[in-house]
Amino acid sequence: MEETNPYLGEKIIEGVRQQIAIDDPPEVKETYDRLIVDGHPEKEVFKMLACVLSTEMFEMMKQNRVFDRQLYVRRLLELPTLPWE
């Protein structure tokens, strides 16, 4: 998973870390734990979670819509398959 903008990528990962810290949505931490147990390196887990978050953010802007929690959670559950795969 290549980042096209390292600064933006780090900011999105910060968003993922914040979601885990405040446990909202709790499925982010659950997915983090599941992927770690499955043997994925932590750095890659954060990148995967960031891919899901950035996809949701992009679609919110593109479609001019609010956050879709159900879609976000479904995509978390599908990891390690990325949203565009």
N, C-alpha and C. Protein backbone atom coordinates (compact mmCIF):
# COMPACT_ATOMS: atom_id res chain seq x y z
N MET A 1 0.84 -1.18 0.00
CA MET A 1 0.00 0.00 0.00
C MET A 1 0.88 1.24 0.00
N GLU A 2 0.99 1.87 -1.12
CA GLU A 2 1.78 3.09 -1.24
C GLU A 2 0.93 4.30 -0.87
N GLU A 3 1.53 5.22 -0.16
CA GLU A 3 0.87 6.49 0.15
C GLU A 3 1.28 7.50 -0.90
N THR A 4 0.31 8.25 -1.41
CA THR A 4 0.66 9.29 -2.37
C THR A 4 1.03 10.58 -1.66
N ASN A 5 0.57 10.77 -0.44
CA ASN A 5 0.88 11.96 0.33
C ASN A 5 1.17 11.52 1.77
N PRO A 6 2.45 11.37 2.13
CA PRO A 6 2.79 10.87 3.46
C PRO A 6 2.20 11.69 4.60
N TYR A 7 2.15 13.01 4.45
CA TYR A 7 1.59 13.86 5.51
C TYR A 7 0.11 13.55 5.71
N LEU A 8 -0.63 13.49 4.63
CA LEU A 8 -2.05 13.19 4.72
C LEU A 8 -2.26 11.79 5.29
N GLY A 9 -1.43 10.85 4.85
CA GLY A 9 -1.53 9.49 5.37
C GLY A 9 -1.34 9.44 6.88
N GLU A 10 -0.37 10.19 7.38
CA GLU A 10 -0.13 10.23 8.83
C GLU A 10 -1.31 10.87 9.57
N LYS A 11 -1.91 11.88 8.99
CA LYS A 11 -3.06 12.53 9.62
C LYS A 11 -4.26 11.58 9.68
N ILE A 12 -4.44 10.79 8.64
CA ILE A 12 -5.54 9.83 8.66
C ILE A 12 -5.26 8.73 9.68
N ILE A 13 -4.01 8.30 9.78
CA ILE A 13 -3.66 7.31 10.82
C ILE A 13 -3.89 7.91 12.20
N GLU A 14 -3.59 9.20 12.39
CA GLU A 14 -3.90 9.85 13.66
C GLU A 14 -5.39 9.78 13.95
N GLY A 15 -6.21 9.93 12.92
CA GLY A 15 -7.66 9.81 13.09
C GLY A 15 -8.05 8.42 13.55
N VAL A 16 -7.41 7.41 12.97
CA VAL A 16 -7.67 6.02 13.39
C VAL A 16 -7.25 5.83 14.84
N ARG A 17 -6.08 6.34 15.20
CA ARG A 17 -5.62 6.23 16.59
C ARG A 17 -6.60 6.91 17.55
N GLN A 18 -7.15 8.03 17.14
CA GLN A 18 -8.13 8.75 17.96
C GLN A 18 -9.40 7.91 18.12
N GLN A 19 -9.85 7.29 17.04
CA GLN A 19 -11.03 6.44 17.12
C GLN A 19 -10.80 5.30 18.12
N ILE A 20 -9.60 4.73 18.08
CA ILE A 20 -9.28 3.64 19.01
C ILE A 20 -9.23 4.18 20.44
N ALA A 21 -8.63 5.35 20.64
CA ALA A 21 -8.48 5.92 21.98
C ALA A 21 -9.83 6.22 22.63
N ILE A 22 -10.78 6.71 21.83
CA ILE A 22 -12.08 7.06 22.41
C ILE A 22 -13.10 5.93 22.24
N ASP A 23 -12.67 4.83 21.60
CA ASP A 23 -13.52 3.65 21.39
C ASP A 23 -14.80 4.01 20.64
N ASP A 24 -14.64 4.82 19.59
CA ASP A 24 -15.80 5.22 18.79
C ASP A 24 -15.40 5.36 17.34
N PRO A 25 -15.87 4.51 16.50
CA PRO A 25 -16.70 3.36 16.79
C PRO A 25 -15.86 2.21 17.35
N PRO A 26 -16.44 1.41 18.21
CA PRO A 26 -15.67 0.32 18.83
C PRO A 26 -15.17 -0.72 17.83
N GLU A 27 -15.78 -0.79 16.69
CA GLU A 27 -15.37 -1.76 15.68
C GLU A 27 -13.97 -1.48 15.14
N VAL A 28 -13.49 -0.26 15.27
CA VAL A 28 -12.12 0.05 14.82
C VAL A 28 -11.13 -0.71 15.70
N LYS A 29 -11.28 -0.64 17.01
CA LYS A 29 -10.38 -1.36 17.93
C LYS A 29 -10.55 -2.87 17.77
N GLU A 30 -11.79 -3.31 17.60
CA GLU A 30 -12.03 -4.74 17.40
C GLU A 30 -11.33 -5.24 16.14
N THR A 31 -11.38 -4.45 15.08
CA THR A 31 -10.72 -4.83 13.83
C THR A 31 -9.21 -4.79 14.00
N TYR A 32 -8.71 -3.77 14.68
CA TYR A 32 -7.27 -3.69 14.98
C TYR A 32 -6.83 -4.98 15.69
N ASP A 33 -7.53 -5.33 16.76
CA ASP A 33 -7.17 -6.52 17.54
C ASP A 33 -7.22 -7.78 16.68
N ARG A 34 -8.25 -7.92 15.87
CA ARG A 34 -8.41 -9.11 15.02
C ARG A 34 -7.25 -9.23 14.02
N LEU A 35 -6.90 -8.12 13.39
CA LEU A 35 -5.83 -8.17 12.40
C LEU A 35 -4.47 -8.44 13.04
N ILE A 36 -4.23 -7.91 14.23
CA ILE A 36 -2.99 -8.19 14.96
C ILE A 36 -2.91 -9.68 15.31
N VAL A 37 -4.00 -10.23 15.83
CA VAL A 37 -4.04 -11.66 16.18
C VAL A 37 -3.83 -12.52 14.95
N ASP A 38 -4.32 -12.05 13.81
CA ASP A 38 -4.16 -12.79 12.56
C ASP A 38 -2.73 -12.71 12.01
N GLY A 39 -1.87 -11.94 12.68
CA GLY A 39 -0.46 -11.91 12.30
C GLY A 39 -0.02 -10.74 11.42
N HIS A 40 -0.89 -9.79 11.22
CA HIS A 40 -0.51 -8.62 10.42
C HIS A 40 0.34 -7.67 11.27
N PRO A 41 1.41 -7.13 10.69
CA PRO A 41 2.24 -6.16 11.42
C PRO A 41 1.43 -4.90 11.77
N GLU A 42 1.71 -4.33 12.93
CA GLU A 42 0.94 -3.18 13.40
C GLU A 42 0.93 -2.03 12.39
N LYS A 43 2.07 -1.76 11.78
CA LYS A 43 2.13 -0.66 10.80
C LYS A 43 1.17 -0.91 9.65
N GLU A 44 1.11 -2.13 9.19
CA GLU A 44 0.19 -2.47 8.09
C GLU A 44 -1.26 -2.41 8.54
N VAL A 45 -1.52 -2.80 9.79
CA VAL A 45 -2.89 -2.73 10.32
C VAL A 45 -3.37 -1.28 10.32
N PHE A 46 -2.53 -0.38 10.78
CA PHE A 46 -2.92 1.04 10.78
C PHE A 46 -3.14 1.54 9.36
N LYS A 47 -2.33 1.09 8.41
CA LYS A 47 -2.53 1.50 7.02
C LYS A 47 -3.86 0.96 6.48
N MET A 48 -4.19 -0.28 6.81
CA MET A 48 -5.46 -0.84 6.36
C MET A 48 -6.64 -0.07 6.95
N LEU A 49 -6.57 0.20 8.24
CA LEU A 49 -7.64 0.96 8.89
C LEU A 49 -7.75 2.36 8.29
N ALA A 50 -6.61 2.96 7.99
CA ALA A 50 -6.60 4.29 7.38
C ALA A 50 -7.20 4.25 5.98
N CYS A 51 -7.00 3.18 5.26
CA CYS A 51 -7.61 3.04 3.93
C CYS A 51 -9.13 3.05 4.03
N VAL A 52 -9.66 2.36 5.02
CA VAL A 52 -11.11 2.33 5.19
C VAL A 52 -11.62 3.72 5.57
N LEU A 53 -10.93 4.38 6.50
CA LEU A 53 -11.35 5.71 6.92
C LEU A 53 -11.25 6.70 5.77
N SER A 54 -10.16 6.67 5.03
CA SER A 54 -10.01 7.63 3.93
C SER A 54 -11.02 7.37 2.82
N THR A 55 -11.36 6.12 2.59
CA THR A 55 -12.39 5.81 1.59
C THR A 55 -13.73 6.40 1.99
N GLU A 56 -14.07 6.25 3.25
CA GLU A 56 -15.34 6.82 3.74
C GLU A 56 -15.31 8.34 3.63
N MET A 57 -14.21 8.95 4.00
CA MET A 57 -14.09 10.41 3.91
C MET A 57 -14.23 10.89 2.46
N PHE A 58 -13.56 10.19 1.55
CA PHE A 58 -13.62 10.56 0.14
C PHE A 58 -15.05 10.45 -0.39
N GLU A 59 -15.71 9.34 -0.05
CA GLU A 59 -17.07 9.15 -0.54
C GLU A 59 -18.04 10.15 0.07
N MET A 60 -17.81 10.55 1.31
CA MET A 60 -18.65 11.58 1.92
C MET A 60 -18.55 12.88 1.12
N MET A 61 -17.33 13.24 0.76
CA MET A 61 -17.13 14.48 0.00
C MET A 61 -17.68 14.35 -1.42
N LYS A 62 -17.37 13.24 -2.07
CA LYS A 62 -17.78 13.04 -3.46
C LYS A 62 -19.30 12.99 -3.60
N GLN A 63 -19.96 12.33 -2.65
CA GLN A 63 -21.41 12.14 -2.73
C GLN A 63 -22.18 13.18 -1.92
N ASN A 64 -21.43 14.08 -1.27
CA ASN A 64 -22.05 15.11 -0.43
C ASN A 64 -23.05 14.49 0.55
N ARG A 65 -22.52 13.56 1.35
CA ARG A 65 -23.37 12.85 2.31
C ARG A 65 -22.70 12.82 3.68
N VAL A 66 -23.47 12.40 4.66
CA VAL A 66 -22.95 12.27 6.02
C VAL A 66 -22.26 10.92 6.18
N PHE A 67 -21.55 10.79 7.26
CA PHE A 67 -20.86 9.55 7.62
C PHE A 67 -21.84 8.39 7.64
N ASP A 68 -21.49 7.30 6.97
CA ASP A 68 -22.32 6.10 6.93
C ASP A 68 -21.67 5.04 7.82
N ARG A 69 -22.12 5.01 9.05
CA ARG A 69 -21.53 4.11 10.03
C ARG A 69 -21.64 2.65 9.61
N GLN A 70 -22.80 2.26 9.09
CA GLN A 70 -22.99 0.85 8.70
C GLN A 70 -22.02 0.45 7.60
N LEU A 71 -21.83 1.30 6.61
CA LEU A 71 -20.90 1.02 5.54
C LEU A 71 -19.47 0.98 6.07
N TYR A 72 -19.13 1.91 6.93
CA TYR A 72 -17.79 1.96 7.53
C TYR A 72 -17.50 0.67 8.30
N VAL A 73 -18.43 0.26 9.12
CA VAL A 73 -18.25 -0.97 9.91
C VAL A 73 -18.16 -2.19 8.99
N ARG A 74 -18.99 -2.23 7.96
CA ARG A 74 -18.94 -3.37 7.03
C ARG A 74 -17.56 -3.45 6.38
N ARG A 75 -17.02 -2.31 6.00
CA ARG A 75 -15.69 -2.31 5.38
C ARG A 75 -14.60 -2.72 6.37
N LEU A 76 -14.76 -2.34 7.63
CA LEU A 76 -13.81 -2.78 8.65
C LEU A 76 -13.85 -4.30 8.78
N LEU A 77 -15.04 -4.86 8.78
CA LEU A 77 -15.19 -6.31 8.91
C LEU A 77 -14.61 -7.06 7.72
N GLU A 78 -14.55 -6.40 6.56
CA GLU A 78 -14.02 -7.04 5.35
C GLU A 78 -12.50 -7.04 5.29
N LEU A 79 -11.84 -6.24 6.14
CA LEU A 79 -10.38 -6.21 6.14
C LEU A 79 -9.83 -7.58 6.49
N PRO A 80 -8.77 -8.04 5.86
CA PRO A 80 -7.75 -7.28 5.15
C PRO A 80 -8.08 -6.97 3.68
N THR A 81 -9.26 -7.35 3.20
CA THR A 81 -9.63 -6.95 1.85
C THR A 81 -9.95 -5.46 1.87
N LEU A 82 -9.28 -4.69 1.05
CA LEU A 82 -9.45 -3.25 1.02
C LEU A 82 -10.71 -2.87 0.27
N PRO A 83 -11.28 -1.69 0.56
CA PRO A 83 -12.56 -1.30 -0.03
C PRO A 83 -12.62 -1.36 -1.55
N TRP A 84 -11.51 -1.12 -2.22
CA TRP A 84 -11.52 -1.08 -3.68
C TRP A 84 -11.16 -2.41 -4.32
N GLU A 85 -10.89 -3.43 -3.50
CA GLU A 85 -10.54 -4.75 -4.05
C GLU A 85 -11.79 -5.58 -4.32
